[in-house]
Protein backbone atom coordinates (compact mmCIF):
# COMPACT_ATOMS: atom_id res chain seq x y z
CA UNK A 1 5.95 -14.04 24.75
CA UNK A 2 5.03 -17.62 25.61
CA UNK A 3 2.37 -17.74 22.87
CA UNK A 4 4.85 -16.36 20.33
CA UNK A 5 7.45 -19.01 21.22
CA UNK A 6 4.84 -21.77 20.83
CA UNK A 7 3.86 -20.44 17.39
CA UNK A 8 7.50 -20.41 16.27
CA UNK A 9 8.28 -23.93 17.46
CA UNK A 10 4.92 -25.70 16.98
CA UNK A 11 4.71 -28.63 14.59
CA UNK A 12 2.01 -31.25 14.08
CA UNK A 13 3.18 -34.87 13.82
CA UNK A 14 2.32 -36.65 10.58
CA UNK A 15 -0.06 -39.59 10.50
CA UNK A 16 2.88 -41.98 10.05
CA UNK A 17 4.61 -40.55 13.09
CA UNK A 18 1.53 -41.28 15.20
CA UNK A 19 1.64 -44.99 14.43
CA UNK A 20 3.88 -47.85 15.51
CA UNK A 21 6.40 -48.34 18.26
CA UNK A 22 8.86 -45.97 19.89
CA UNK A 23 12.49 -46.67 19.06
CA UNK A 24 15.05 -46.33 21.87
CA UNK A 25 18.67 -45.31 21.42
CA UNK A 26 19.74 -48.96 21.33
CA UNK A 27 17.25 -49.53 18.46
CA UNK A 28 14.69 -51.45 20.49
CA UNK A 29 11.13 -51.00 19.26
CA UNK A 30 8.87 -50.55 22.28
CA UNK A 31 5.07 -50.48 21.94
CA UNK A 32 3.76 -47.02 22.79
CA UNK A 33 1.77 -48.24 25.79
CA UNK A 34 4.78 -50.03 27.26
CA UNK A 35 7.07 -47.06 26.64
CA UNK A 36 5.04 -44.62 28.67
CA UNK A 37 6.91 -43.30 31.67
CA UNK A 38 6.11 -41.22 34.73
CA UNK A 39 9.35 -39.24 35.05
CA UNK A 40 11.20 -38.09 31.94
CA UNK A 41 14.67 -36.57 32.20
CA UNK A 42 16.49 -34.58 29.54
CA UNK A 43 20.21 -33.87 29.64
CA UNK A 44 22.66 -32.34 27.18
CA UNK A 45 25.13 -35.24 27.18
CA UNK A 46 26.14 -38.28 29.23
CA UNK A 47 29.90 -37.76 29.42
CA UNK A 48 32.02 -38.01 32.55
CA UNK A 49 30.99 -35.01 34.68
CA UNK A 50 29.47 -33.96 37.97
CA UNK A 51 26.02 -33.21 36.58
CA UNK A 52 25.86 -36.55 34.77
CA UNK A 53 27.09 -38.40 37.87
CA UNK A 54 24.32 -36.84 39.97
CA UNK A 55 21.72 -37.88 37.39
CA UNK A 56 23.07 -41.43 37.50
CA UNK A 57 22.92 -41.42 41.30
CA UNK A 58 19.29 -40.25 41.21
CA UNK A 59 18.22 -42.83 38.65
CA UNK A 60 20.09 -45.68 40.32
CA UNK A 61 18.47 -44.97 43.70
CA UNK A 62 14.96 -44.13 42.49
CA UNK A 63 12.34 -46.87 42.85
CA UNK A 64 12.28 -47.52 39.11
CA UNK A 65 9.37 -49.96 39.02
CA UNK A 66 7.19 -47.36 40.68
CA UNK A 67 8.30 -44.16 38.94
CA UNK A 68 9.19 -45.62 35.51
CA UNK A 69 11.88 -43.11 34.55
CA UNK A 70 13.13 -42.53 31.00
CA UNK A 71 15.89 -40.34 29.65
CA UNK A 72 16.44 -38.15 26.58
CA UNK A 73 20.00 -37.15 25.64
CA UNK A 74 20.01 -33.96 23.57
CA UNK A 75 23.38 -34.91 22.06
CA UNK A 76 23.45 -38.67 22.22
CA UNK A 77 26.74 -40.56 22.22
CA UNK A 78 26.47 -44.26 23.17
CA UNK A 79 30.17 -44.53 24.05
CA UNK A 80 29.95 -41.95 26.84
CA UNK A 81 30.38 -43.27 30.37
CA UNK A 82 26.98 -42.44 31.78
CA UNK A 83 25.15 -43.68 28.71
CA UNK A 84 26.59 -47.10 29.46
CA UNK A 85 25.95 -46.86 33.20
CA UNK A 86 22.35 -45.69 32.85
CA UNK A 87 21.60 -48.21 30.11
CA UNK A 88 22.79 -50.92 32.54
CA UNK A 89 19.97 -49.83 34.88
CA UNK A 90 17.50 -50.90 32.15
CA UNK A 91 16.23 -47.33 31.87
CA UNK A 92 15.08 -46.41 28.32
CA UNK A 93 17.34 -43.82 26.69
CA UNK A 94 16.20 -41.81 23.67
CA UNK A 95 18.16 -39.68 21.27
CA UNK A 96 17.08 -36.79 19.04
CA UNK A 97 17.78 -36.29 15.32
CA UNK A 98 21.49 -35.75 14.70
CA UNK A 99 22.81 -33.77 13.03
CA UNK A 100 19.85 -31.42 13.30
CA UNK A 101 19.08 -27.83 14.20
CA UNK A 102 17.82 -26.94 17.69
CA UNK A 103 14.36 -26.27 16.20
CA UNK A 104 14.18 -29.74 14.69
CA UNK A 105 15.28 -31.28 17.99
CA UNK A 106 12.69 -29.25 19.90
CA UNK A 107 9.88 -30.52 17.69
CA UNK A 108 11.18 -34.10 17.93
CA UNK A 109 11.43 -33.89 21.71
CA UNK A 110 7.91 -32.48 21.98
CA UNK A 111 6.53 -35.34 19.89
CA UNK A 112 8.48 -37.94 21.88
CA UNK A 113 7.13 -36.46 25.12
CA UNK A 114 3.56 -36.80 23.83
CA UNK A 115 4.24 -40.46 23.02
CA UNK A 116 5.86 -41.19 26.40
CA UNK A 117 3.16 -39.26 28.31
CA UNK A 118 5.27 -38.44 31.41
CA UNK A 119 3.87 -36.75 34.49
CA UNK A 120 7.09 -34.75 35.03
CA UNK A 121 9.78 -33.61 32.59
CA UNK A 122 12.94 -32.59 34.42
CA UNK A 123 15.75 -30.84 32.59
CA UNK A 124 18.89 -31.90 34.44
CA UNK A 125 21.01 -29.07 33.08
CA UNK A 126 20.38 -25.38 32.47
CA UNK A 127 20.83 -25.52 28.69
CA UNK A 128 17.90 -27.92 28.17
CA UNK A 129 15.50 -26.02 30.44
CA UNK A 130 13.35 -24.46 27.73
CA UNK A 131 13.22 -27.77 25.86
CA UNK A 132 11.69 -29.39 28.96
CA UNK A 133 9.15 -26.57 29.25
CA UNK A 134 8.19 -26.76 25.58
CA UNK A 135 7.87 -30.56 25.58
CA UNK A 136 5.89 -30.55 28.83
CA UNK A 137 3.43 -27.99 27.46
CA UNK A 138 2.58 -30.39 24.65
CA UNK A 139 2.39 -33.48 26.88
CA UNK A 140 0.43 -32.03 29.80
CA UNK A 141 3.35 -32.70 32.12
CA UNK A 142 4.87 -30.70 34.96
CA UNK A 143 8.09 -29.02 33.79
CA UNK A 144 11.10 -28.67 36.07
CA UNK A 145 14.31 -26.84 35.17
CA UNK A 146 17.80 -26.86 36.65
CA UNK A 147 20.34 -24.38 37.88
CA UNK A 148 23.62 -25.93 39.00
CA UNK A 149 26.08 -23.03 38.80
CA UNK A 150 26.34 -19.24 38.63
CA UNK A 151 23.09 -17.94 37.09
CA UNK A 152 24.62 -15.02 35.23
CA UNK A 153 27.45 -17.13 33.82
CA UNK A 154 25.27 -19.94 32.46
CA UNK A 155 22.69 -17.52 31.10
CA UNK A 156 25.40 -15.60 29.27
CA UNK A 157 26.99 -18.82 27.98
CA UNK A 158 23.69 -19.84 26.42
CA UNK A 159 23.60 -16.81 24.14
CA UNK A 160 21.11 -13.98 24.06
CA UNK A 161 18.01 -15.93 22.97
CA UNK A 162 18.66 -19.39 24.37
CA UNK A 163 20.09 -18.02 27.59
CA UNK A 164 16.96 -15.95 28.15
CA UNK A 165 14.57 -18.82 27.32
CA UNK A 166 16.40 -21.31 29.55
CA UNK A 167 16.46 -18.82 32.40
CA UNK A 168 12.74 -18.00 32.24
CA UNK A 169 11.18 -21.40 31.48
CA UNK A 170 10.23 -23.60 33.22
CA UNK A 171 9.05 -21.29 35.95
CA UNK A 172 10.15 -23.87 38.59
CA UNK A 173 13.83 -24.77 38.89
CA UNK A 174 15.74 -27.19 41.10
CA UNK A 175 19.16 -25.92 42.18
CA UNK A 176 21.89 -27.92 43.87
CA UNK A 177 23.18 -24.78 45.59
CA UNK A 178 21.59 -22.28 47.98
CA UNK A 179 24.10 -19.68 46.82
CA UNK A 180 23.16 -20.09 43.14
CA UNK A 181 19.44 -20.10 43.87
CA UNK A 182 19.66 -16.92 45.94
CA UNK A 183 21.73 -15.23 43.24
CA UNK A 184 19.11 -16.07 40.62
CA UNK A 185 16.23 -14.95 42.84
CA UNK A 186 17.83 -11.51 43.17
CA UNK A 187 18.34 -11.16 39.41
CA UNK A 188 16.27 -8.34 37.86
CA UNK A 189 14.20 -8.55 34.70
CA UNK A 190 11.65 -10.82 33.05
CA UNK A 191 13.95 -13.64 31.94
CA UNK A 192 14.62 -15.11 35.37
CA UNK A 193 13.26 -18.20 37.18
CA UNK A 194 10.16 -17.69 39.29
CA UNK A 195 10.36 -20.52 41.84
CA UNK A 196 13.12 -22.64 43.31
CA UNK A 197 13.72 -25.76 45.36
CA UNK A 198 17.25 -26.46 46.57
CA UNK A 199 18.35 -30.10 46.51
CA UNK A 200 22.02 -30.53 47.25
CA UNK A 201 24.04 -33.22 45.54
CA UNK A 202 24.16 -36.73 46.93
CA UNK A 203 26.94 -39.30 47.25
CA UNK A 204 27.37 -43.04 47.13
CA UNK A 205 28.60 -43.32 50.71
CA UNK A 206 29.65 -46.93 50.14
CA UNK A 207 32.06 -45.88 47.39
CA UNK A 208 33.31 -42.80 49.23
CA UNK A 209 34.38 -44.28 52.55
CA UNK A 210 37.14 -43.46 55.04
CA UNK A 211 40.45 -45.28 55.36
CA UNK A 212 42.52 -45.11 58.52
CA UNK A 213 45.85 -43.27 58.08
CA UNK A 214 48.66 -44.57 60.31
CA UNK A 215 50.59 -42.07 62.38
CA UNK A 216 53.88 -41.24 60.67
CA UNK A 217 52.65 -41.69 57.11
CA UNK A 218 53.59 -39.10 54.52
CA UNK A 219 51.03 -36.27 54.59
CA UNK A 220 49.41 -36.11 51.15
CA UNK A 221 47.73 -32.75 50.42
CA UNK A 222 45.36 -33.00 47.47
CA UNK A 223 43.57 -30.62 45.13
CA UNK A 224 40.94 -31.88 42.68
CA UNK A 225 39.25 -30.07 39.81
CA UNK A 226 39.43 -28.83 36.26
CA UNK A 227 42.48 -26.74 35.46
CA UNK A 228 40.49 -23.60 34.72
CA UNK A 229 40.99 -19.97 35.85
CA UNK A 230 37.97 -20.01 38.17
CA UNK A 231 39.57 -22.78 40.26
CA UNK A 232 42.46 -20.46 41.19
CA UNK A 233 45.19 -23.07 41.25
CA UNK A 234 47.67 -20.20 41.45
CA UNK A 235 46.67 -19.86 45.10
CA UNK A 236 47.43 -23.50 45.76
CA UNK A 237 50.85 -23.25 44.11
CA UNK A 238 51.73 -20.10 46.07
CA UNK A 239 50.72 -21.83 49.30
CA UNK A 240 52.94 -24.81 48.43
CA UNK A 241 55.82 -22.41 47.77
CA UNK A 242 55.37 -20.81 51.20
CA UNK A 243 55.12 -24.17 52.96
CA UNK A 244 58.21 -25.36 51.09
CA UNK A 245 60.21 -22.41 52.44
CA UNK A 246 59.72 -23.82 55.94
CA UNK A 247 61.27 -27.15 54.93
CA UNK A 248 58.38 -29.19 56.31
CA UNK A 249 59.31 -32.83 55.84
CA UNK A 250 57.09 -35.83 55.10
CA UNK A 251 54.76 -33.74 52.95
CA UNK A 252 53.70 -34.07 49.31
CA UNK A 253 51.13 -32.31 47.11
CA UNK A 254 49.04 -33.45 44.15
CA UNK A 255 46.59 -31.86 41.73
CA UNK A 256 44.11 -34.19 40.01
CA UNK A 257 42.40 -32.79 36.94
CA UNK A 258 43.14 -31.54 33.48
CA UNK A 259 42.41 -28.47 31.43
CA UNK A 260 43.84 -25.60 29.41
CA UNK A 261 45.95 -24.22 32.25
CA UNK A 262 48.03 -27.35 32.84
CA UNK A 263 51.15 -26.28 30.93
CA UNK A 264 51.07 -22.82 32.48
CA UNK A 265 50.68 -24.23 36.01
CA UNK A 266 53.56 -26.64 35.48
CA UNK A 267 55.75 -23.72 34.39
CA UNK A 268 54.62 -21.72 37.41
CA UNK A 269 55.50 -24.61 39.73
CA UNK A 270 58.96 -24.75 38.17
CA UNK A 271 59.45 -20.99 38.64
CA UNK A 272 58.54 -21.39 42.33
CA UNK A 273 61.07 -24.21 42.74
CA UNK A 274 58.41 -26.71 43.85
CA UNK A 275 58.42 -29.12 40.89
CA UNK A 276 59.67 -31.90 43.14
CA UNK A 277 56.95 -31.22 45.72
CA UNK A 278 53.88 -31.41 43.49
CA UNK A 279 52.53 -33.99 41.06
CA UNK A 280 50.09 -33.12 38.29
CA UNK A 281 48.05 -36.30 38.00
CA UNK A 282 45.84 -35.35 35.06
CA UNK A 283 42.31 -36.75 34.87
CA UNK A 284 41.63 -39.42 37.46
CA UNK A 285 38.59 -41.67 37.04
CA UNK A 286 38.83 -43.51 40.37
CA UNK A 287 38.20 -40.50 42.62
CA UNK A 288 37.30 -42.54 45.75
CA UNK A 289 40.68 -44.30 45.72
CA UNK A 290 42.44 -41.00 45.09
CA UNK A 291 40.75 -39.40 48.09
CA UNK A 292 41.39 -42.39 50.35
CA UNK A 293 45.10 -42.01 49.59
CA UNK A 294 45.06 -38.33 50.65
CA UNK A 295 45.40 -36.78 54.10
CA UNK A 296 43.25 -33.72 53.44
CA UNK A 297 41.80 -31.65 50.59
CA UNK A 298 42.55 -28.05 49.63
CA UNK A 299 39.96 -26.20 47.54
CA UNK A 300 40.84 -22.74 46.21
CA UNK A 301 38.03 -21.77 43.79
CA UNK A 302 36.82 -18.20 43.62
CA UNK A 303 33.34 -19.19 42.38
CA UNK A 304 31.35 -22.33 43.15
CA UNK A 305 27.91 -23.80 43.46
CA UNK A 306 27.87 -26.94 45.60
CA UNK A 307 31.26 -28.56 44.86
CA UNK A 308 31.09 -32.34 44.60
CA UNK A 309 34.73 -32.85 45.53
CA UNK A 310 34.32 -31.16 48.93
CA UNK A 311 31.43 -33.47 49.77
CA UNK A 312 33.34 -36.50 48.47
CA UNK A 313 36.41 -35.67 50.52
CA UNK A 314 34.29 -35.31 53.66
CA UNK A 315 32.62 -38.66 52.96
CA UNK A 316 36.11 -40.20 52.75
CA UNK A 317 36.87 -38.83 56.21
CA UNK A 318 39.15 -36.01 55.06
CA UNK A 319 39.33 -32.53 56.55
CA UNK A 320 38.93 -29.78 53.94
CA UNK A 321 40.64 -26.40 53.77
CA UNK A 322 38.58 -24.27 51.37
CA UNK A 323 38.30 -20.69 50.22
CA UNK A 324 34.80 -19.40 50.94
CA UNK A 325 32.70 -19.63 47.76
CA UNK A 326 29.19 -20.80 46.89
CA UNK A 327 27.84 -23.30 49.44
CA UNK A 328 31.22 -23.98 51.06
CA UNK A 329 30.12 -22.45 54.37
CA UNK A 330 27.12 -24.79 54.43
CA UNK A 331 29.19 -27.88 53.73
CA UNK A 332 32.19 -27.31 56.00
CA UNK A 333 31.76 -26.60 59.71
CA UNK A 334 34.65 -24.23 60.25
CA UNK A 335 37.01 -25.58 62.90
CA UNK A 336 35.13 -28.90 63.14
CA UNK A 337 35.24 -30.64 59.74
CA UNK A 338 37.90 -28.38 58.24
CA UNK A 339 38.67 -24.70 57.80
CA UNK A 340 37.05 -21.98 55.68
CA UNK A 341 39.35 -19.20 54.45
CA UNK A 342 38.24 -15.79 53.19
CA UNK A 343 38.74 -15.19 49.48
CA UNK A 344 41.29 -12.42 50.07
CA UNK A 345 43.28 -14.18 52.79
CA UNK A 346 45.94 -16.33 51.15
CA UNK A 347 48.11 -16.04 54.27
CA UNK A 348 45.49 -17.92 56.28
CA UNK A 349 45.35 -20.59 53.59
CA UNK A 350 49.04 -21.31 54.23
CA UNK A 351 48.53 -21.32 58.00
CA UNK A 352 45.64 -23.76 57.83
CA UNK A 353 47.54 -26.11 55.51
CA UNK A 354 50.44 -26.11 57.96
CA UNK A 355 48.16 -26.56 60.97
CA UNK A 356 46.48 -29.68 59.58
CA UNK A 357 49.71 -31.05 58.10
CA UNK A 358 51.45 -30.91 61.48
CA UNK A 359 48.67 -32.43 63.58
CA UNK A 360 47.73 -36.08 62.96
CA UNK A 361 45.21 -36.04 65.81
CA UNK A 362 43.46 -32.98 64.36
CA UNK A 363 43.21 -34.67 60.98
CA UNK A 364 41.61 -37.73 62.58
CA UNK A 365 39.15 -35.71 64.65
CA UNK A 366 38.11 -33.47 61.77
CA UNK A 367 37.95 -36.40 59.35
CA UNK A 368 35.63 -38.34 61.67
CA UNK A 369 33.38 -35.29 62.02
CA UNK A 370 33.37 -34.82 58.25
CA UNK A 371 32.31 -38.42 57.65
CA UNK A 372 29.56 -38.14 60.28
CA UNK A 373 28.17 -35.04 58.56
CA UNK A 374 28.29 -36.78 55.18
CA UNK A 375 26.27 -39.68 56.56
CA UNK A 376 23.68 -37.26 57.96
CA UNK A 377 23.33 -34.96 54.97
CA UNK A 378 24.82 -36.36 51.75
CA UNK A 379 23.03 -39.70 51.28
CA UNK A 380 21.40 -40.78 48.03
CA UNK A 381 18.12 -41.53 49.81
CA UNK A 382 17.98 -37.88 50.85
CA UNK A 383 18.70 -36.84 47.23
CA UNK A 384 15.74 -38.88 45.94
CA UNK A 385 13.29 -37.82 48.66
CA UNK A 386 14.06 -34.13 48.23
CA UNK A 387 13.91 -34.35 44.43
CA UNK A 388 10.47 -35.96 44.52
CA UNK A 389 9.35 -33.34 47.04
CA UNK A 390 10.54 -30.64 44.62
CA UNK A 391 8.40 -32.14 41.85
CA UNK A 392 5.38 -31.95 44.15
CA UNK A 393 6.16 -28.33 44.93
CA UNK A 394 6.18 -27.70 41.17
CA UNK A 395 2.67 -29.12 40.90
CA UNK A 396 3.13 -32.86 40.46
CA UNK A 397 0.56 -35.12 42.12
CA UNK A 398 2.46 -38.34 42.58
């Protein structure tokens, strides 16, 4: 199968392509020798998102003079947030022909990889996994793939052919979630990853920092995430309705995020009679400030990998009440940094929200414990060290 794929996608560069400088996305011409990198990353896009933020964190913390990273954006858009942020790090960013078919982009990426001569090519998202494998095979580099969410869901979303190729190659994947890695390892069939390293997300602990909440302040209960069915915002709204029946004063709720369910959720809030109790904030770019204004976080998803917002809330010294999904049980110490609620137990969700809302001392104690855990386990230095260790496990000698 591997030989067949190489025959289909192989293409020899022309003599003219072998000469001259390499042109970066900002149109700088860099001599081939100067352009060579050690670590080459490929990502689908550089828009505002959790995956892109983690890539920025990794690149900003990496010792760049030593590891000489470079980046390829499969769908390049220079106005996207993380294009600008990564470009500010003086890291070379390369685009691929656009508009162009996936086959044309594959050949272009393979040629670029030969020119850049990296030691490792790391796909930072599932849908560019096979591209990293194919480019690495032509450049003599170690290929590393990514799995950052439910294996079956992302494989299915990629389509029959691409989903299968991205799942099978490279043979070594880095996952940000133990739950997702274990799910993939149990998957039957040929088109599945062969080896895994788990490297959980990291945080800028200076940006996500606690803020003392005075006794007597309004209790602000926050939910953060895309307004999608998998996030199960209906649970949050039902819990607010039940809390509202008890006429608990000094309490307000917010949901930060946008998506296709917003209008429906607003109508549902109105039908529950809680419109005055909850604010739909839409997309919020300054998440640290948002979290510092909150008293605790509620997370109601039915499916997760390693949710960034739970880690971010903990780093801001907030307790978290979360339905058990993905790596939640590894992030939250139940009863110490927050509470974990079974997926089928919406009654306990209400009880835990009330318990934390009514106890300022408990919020302080849990918040302090959450921050301490974040400092131990969520640092960017840990993210870099574990990522480099994963490359070595994949076969890199560096």
